[in-house]
Amino acid sequence: MVAPRSHGAGAAPSVGQQERREAGPLTGKGQARKAALLDAAARVFERRGFLDTRVADIVAEAKVAQGTFYTYFDSKDAVFQAVATRVVGEMLVALHADHPNPSATPYQRAFAAMERFVDSYRPRARIIALIEQVGTFTPELKSLRLQVREAFVDRAARGIAHQQQQGIADASLDPVLTAEVLGAMVDHVCYVWMNLGKEFDREALLKMLTVVWIRAIGAEEPAEDAAEPVVEAVPAG
């Protein structure tokens, strides 16, 4: 857990509070209250950033007493780590939610991967940026941020290696390093677009990311009329 700091850490918890925090909420009502606190904290962090957020802001947003907050979290740092962990978990699920269409071309599969990453990043962009900021002085959050990157890179590296075996991608490329480089491209474009506010046309950007990816791995580009993405197949049930 992130070590409590003076900004928003509050008084030392009682033995009972500490035991409840470590055990987690045992009742449905307690779980719902903790989830509501996390929702409120996420909204405040998105609006105010990490450094300017206070525990008082979070409890005001959640419409609860400070004592309720300290039943579940011992500091602003702790609740931010909980918010960050939830956001990263949601994004990891989203990145693995597809079912590849076996009839898709390399271009179509790459386009689907770009689209999946962009669409999972967008609603979480502000918290991801804060994780990067806080991660500069908090190793646990740096590790969380890397989990998102590594999930994308691992999946991409396996895909490139498979395409090399099929004779589609350049066999001389190191699939892991190639995935790292291309993953950095996609990650940074999302940051510039969704956090720095540079405007892009979504469809044009997805197509350009896909073209750069396909050219980088040495795969053959499709004819213009065959380059449209396909809907991923979802197994019944």
Protein backbone atom coordinates (compact mmCIF):
# COMPACT_ATOMS: atom_id res chain seq x y z
CA MET A 1 0.00 0.00 0.00
CA VAL A 2 1.13 3.57 -0.62
CA ALA A 3 2.64 5.00 2.55
CA PRO A 4 0.43 7.66 4.16
CA ARG A 5 1.66 11.22 3.74
CA SER A 6 0.84 14.42 5.53
CA HIS A 7 -1.47 15.63 2.75
CA GLY A 8 -4.84 14.18 3.67
CA ALA A 9 -3.63 11.29 5.79
CA GLY A 10 -5.84 12.14 8.76
CA ALA A 11 -5.54 10.78 12.29
CA ALA A 12 -4.17 7.34 13.03
CA PRO A 13 -6.91 4.71 12.68
CA SER A 14 -8.34 2.89 15.65
CA VAL A 15 -7.67 -0.83 15.96
CA GLY A 16 -11.23 -1.53 14.83
CA GLN A 17 -10.91 0.68 11.76
CA GLN A 18 -7.63 -0.93 10.76
CA GLU A 19 -9.11 -4.42 11.10
CA ARG A 20 -12.12 -3.46 8.96
CA ARG A 21 -9.88 -1.97 6.27
CA GLU A 22 -7.73 -5.06 6.09
CA ALA A 23 -10.72 -7.41 6.00
CA GLY A 24 -12.70 -5.29 3.54
CA PRO A 25 -16.44 -4.66 3.75
CA LEU A 26 -18.27 -7.84 4.74
CA THR A 27 -21.85 -6.82 3.97
CA GLY A 28 -23.52 -5.81 0.74
CA LYS A 29 -24.21 -2.40 2.23
CA GLY A 30 -20.57 -1.95 3.19
CA GLN A 31 -19.38 -3.01 -0.26
CA ALA A 32 -21.81 -0.57 -1.88
CA ARG A 33 -20.65 2.26 0.39
CA LYS A 34 -17.00 1.58 -0.45
CA ALA A 35 -17.80 1.44 -4.18
CA ALA A 36 -19.65 4.76 -3.90
CA LEU A 37 -16.62 6.29 -2.19
CA LEU A 38 -14.39 5.05 -5.00
CA ASP A 39 -16.77 6.50 -7.60
CA ALA A 40 -16.78 9.84 -5.80
CA ALA A 41 -13.00 9.82 -5.40
CA ALA A 42 -12.52 9.08 -9.11
CA ARG A 43 -14.72 12.05 -10.08
CA VAL A 44 -12.84 14.39 -7.76
CA PHE A 45 -9.41 13.20 -8.91
CA GLU A 46 -10.48 13.67 -12.54
CA ARG A 47 -11.62 17.24 -11.84
CA ARG A 48 -8.95 18.43 -9.42
CA GLY A 49 -5.97 16.18 -10.06
CA PHE A 50 -4.12 14.24 -7.38
CA LEU A 51 -2.17 17.02 -5.67
CA ASP A 52 -5.13 19.40 -5.25
CA THR A 53 -7.60 16.78 -4.03
CA ARG A 54 -8.29 16.58 -0.30
CA VAL A 55 -10.12 13.93 1.68
CA ALA A 56 -12.67 16.65 2.50
CA ASP A 57 -13.40 17.02 -1.23
CA ILE A 58 -14.01 13.29 -1.59
CA VAL A 59 -16.36 13.00 1.38
CA ALA A 60 -18.26 16.08 0.18
CA GLU A 61 -18.66 14.51 -3.26
CA ALA A 62 -19.77 11.21 -1.71
CA LYS A 63 -22.03 12.98 0.82
CA VAL A 64 -20.65 11.00 3.75
CA ALA A 65 -18.88 11.87 6.99
CA GLN A 66 -15.09 11.78 7.21
CA GLY A 67 -15.42 8.93 9.70
CA THR A 68 -17.04 6.83 6.97
CA PHE A 69 -14.11 7.53 4.66
CA TYR A 70 -11.59 6.43 7.30
CA THR A 71 -13.52 3.22 7.86
CA TYR A 72 -12.33 2.11 4.42
CA PHE A 73 -9.20 4.14 3.62
CA ASP A 74 -6.45 5.62 5.75
CA SER A 75 -5.45 8.45 3.40
CA LYS A 76 -5.91 10.17 0.08
CA ASP A 77 -3.00 8.07 -1.20
CA ALA A 78 -4.79 4.86 -0.27
CA VAL A 79 -8.05 5.77 -1.98
CA PHE A 80 -6.20 6.90 -5.10
CA GLN A 81 -4.38 3.58 -5.26
CA ALA A 82 -7.74 1.80 -4.96
CA VAL A 83 -9.20 3.95 -7.77
CA ALA A 84 -6.12 3.32 -9.92
CA THR A 85 -6.24 -0.43 -9.30
CA ARG A 86 -9.89 -0.55 -10.34
CA VAL A 87 -9.27 1.50 -13.50
CA VAL A 88 -6.31 -0.63 -14.55
CA GLY A 89 -8.31 -3.80 -13.90
CA GLU A 90 -11.17 -2.52 -16.07
CA MET A 91 -8.79 -1.64 -18.88
CA LEU A 92 -7.07 -5.02 -18.77
CA VAL A 93 -10.45 -6.72 -19.07
CA ALA A 94 -11.36 -4.47 -22.01
CA LEU A 95 -8.08 -5.21 -23.79
CA HIS A 96 -8.74 -8.95 -23.59
CA ALA A 97 -12.45 -8.85 -24.34
CA ASP A 98 -12.34 -9.55 -28.07
CA HIS A 99 -12.64 -12.84 -29.92
CA PRO A 100 -10.43 -12.66 -33.06
CA ASN A 101 -12.15 -13.43 -36.33
CA PRO A 102 -10.14 -16.22 -38.01
CA SER A 103 -11.03 -14.88 -41.46
CA ALA A 104 -9.75 -11.35 -40.74
CA THR A 105 -6.78 -10.03 -42.71
CA PRO A 106 -3.65 -8.73 -40.92
CA TYR A 107 -4.86 -5.18 -41.57
CA GLN A 108 -8.28 -5.89 -40.11
CA ARG A 109 -6.81 -7.55 -37.03
CA ALA A 110 -4.41 -4.63 -36.49
CA PHE A 111 -7.24 -2.13 -36.93
CA ALA A 112 -9.32 -4.01 -34.34
CA ALA A 113 -6.38 -3.91 -31.90
CA MET A 114 -5.95 -0.14 -32.39
CA GLU A 115 -9.67 0.43 -31.93
CA ARG A 116 -9.83 -1.74 -28.82
CA PHE A 117 -6.95 0.12 -27.16
CA VAL A 118 -8.24 3.59 -28.06
CA ASP A 119 -11.78 2.82 -26.91
CA SER A 120 -10.63 1.31 -23.61
CA TYR A 121 -8.20 4.19 -22.97
CA ARG A 122 -10.63 7.05 -23.69
CA PRO A 123 -13.00 6.83 -20.67
CA ARG A 124 -10.03 6.26 -18.34
CA ALA A 125 -7.60 8.75 -19.86
CA ARG A 126 -7.56 11.25 -17.00
CA ILE A 127 -6.97 8.65 -14.28
CA ILE A 128 -4.28 6.95 -16.40
CA ALA A 129 -2.50 10.31 -16.72
CA LEU A 130 -2.69 10.76 -12.95
CA ILE A 131 -1.33 7.25 -12.40
CA GLU A 132 1.68 8.24 -14.52
CA GLN A 133 2.11 11.44 -12.52
CA VAL A 134 1.83 9.80 -9.11
CA GLY A 135 3.88 6.85 -10.34
CA THR A 136 6.94 9.10 -10.55
CA PHE A 137 7.12 8.99 -6.74
CA THR A 138 5.07 5.87 -5.95
CA PRO A 139 6.49 2.53 -7.15
CA GLU A 140 3.18 0.68 -6.73
CA LEU A 141 1.42 3.01 -9.17
CA LYS A 142 4.29 2.89 -11.64
CA SER A 143 3.86 -0.89 -11.62
CA LEU A 144 0.11 -0.55 -12.18
CA ARG A 145 0.63 1.71 -15.19
CA LEU A 146 3.11 -0.74 -16.67
CA GLN A 147 0.54 -3.53 -16.39
CA VAL A 148 -1.61 -1.83 -19.03
CA ARG A 149 1.36 -1.31 -21.32
CA GLU A 150 2.67 -4.84 -20.84
CA ALA A 151 -0.74 -6.41 -21.50
CA PHE A 152 -0.91 -4.65 -24.87
CA VAL A 153 2.73 -5.40 -25.72
CA ASP A 154 2.46 -9.08 -24.76
CA ARG A 155 -0.62 -9.57 -26.91
CA ALA A 156 0.96 -7.69 -29.82
CA ALA A 157 4.25 -9.61 -29.56
CA ARG A 158 2.43 -12.94 -29.69
CA GLY A 159 0.48 -11.74 -32.71
CA ILE A 160 3.62 -10.60 -34.54
CA ALA A 161 5.39 -13.89 -33.77
CA HIS A 162 2.40 -15.82 -35.11
CA GLN A 163 2.40 -13.73 -38.29
CA GLN A 164 6.13 -14.38 -38.70
CA GLN A 165 5.48 -18.12 -38.50
CA GLN A 166 2.83 -17.74 -41.19
CA GLY A 167 5.20 -15.80 -43.44
CA ILE A 168 3.11 -12.62 -43.14
CA ALA A 169 5.46 -10.48 -41.03
CA ASP A 170 9.18 -9.80 -41.45
CA ALA A 171 10.95 -12.76 -39.82
CA SER A 172 14.04 -10.66 -39.01
CA LEU A 173 12.15 -8.53 -36.47
CA ASP A 174 12.34 -9.16 -32.74
CA PRO A 175 8.60 -9.49 -31.99
CA VAL A 176 8.86 -8.23 -28.40
CA LEU A 177 10.96 -5.15 -29.21
CA THR A 178 8.77 -4.41 -32.23
CA ALA A 179 5.68 -4.62 -30.03
CA GLU A 180 7.34 -2.33 -27.46
CA VAL A 181 8.12 0.32 -30.08
CA LEU A 182 4.72 0.17 -31.75
CA GLY A 183 2.95 0.00 -28.39
CA ALA A 184 4.73 3.20 -27.34
CA MET A 185 3.43 4.85 -30.50
CA VAL A 186 -0.18 3.92 -29.79
CA ASP A 187 0.08 4.75 -26.09
CA HIS A 188 1.61 8.18 -26.67
CA VAL A 189 -0.84 9.10 -29.41
CA CYS A 190 -3.69 8.36 -26.99
CA TYR A 191 -2.03 10.53 -24.33
CA VAL A 192 -1.54 13.47 -26.73
CA TRP A 193 -5.09 13.11 -28.03
CA MET A 194 -7.04 12.52 -24.84
CA ASN A 195 -4.96 14.26 -22.18
CA LEU A 196 -3.13 17.06 -23.98
CA GLY A 197 -6.21 17.83 -26.05
CA LYS A 198 -4.80 17.67 -29.59
CA GLU A 199 -7.70 17.10 -31.98
CA PHE A 200 -7.73 14.09 -34.29
CA ASP A 201 -10.36 12.53 -36.49
CA ARG A 202 -10.91 9.16 -34.82
CA GLU A 203 -11.40 7.10 -37.97
CA ALA A 204 -8.49 8.71 -39.83
CA LEU A 205 -6.19 8.25 -36.85
CA LEU A 206 -7.15 4.59 -36.38
CA LYS A 207 -6.46 3.93 -40.06
CA MET A 208 -3.09 5.71 -39.91
CA LEU A 209 -2.02 3.82 -36.78
CA THR A 210 -2.97 0.60 -38.54
CA VAL A 211 -1.07 1.46 -41.73
CA VAL A 212 2.07 2.38 -39.76
CA TRP A 213 1.77 -0.86 -37.76
CA ILE A 214 1.34 -3.02 -40.88
CA ARG A 215 4.27 -1.37 -42.67
CA ALA A 216 6.49 -1.65 -39.59
CA ILE A 217 6.03 -5.42 -39.31
CA GLY A 218 6.49 -5.89 -43.05
CA ALA A 219 3.01 -7.20 -43.74
CA GLU A 220 1.39 -6.61 -47.09
CA GLU A 221 -1.06 -3.74 -47.20
CA PRO A 222 -4.49 -4.60 -48.59
CA ALA A 223 -6.08 -3.00 -51.59
CA GLU A 224 -8.14 0.06 -50.67
CA ASP A 225 -11.46 -1.73 -51.10
CA ALA A 226 -10.32 -4.59 -48.87
CA ALA A 227 -8.99 -2.44 -46.05
CA GLU A 228 -12.25 -1.92 -44.20
CA PRO A 229 -12.33 -3.39 -40.68
CA VAL A 230 -14.51 -6.37 -39.95
CA VAL A 231 -16.62 -7.02 -36.88
CA GLU A 232 -14.91 -9.45 -34.52
CA ALA A 233 -16.69 -12.77 -34.21
CA VAL A 234 -18.20 -13.44 -30.79
CA PRO A 235 -18.87 -17.07 -29.91
CA ALA A 236 -22.43 -17.92 -28.95
CA GLY A 237 -23.05 -18.16 -25.22
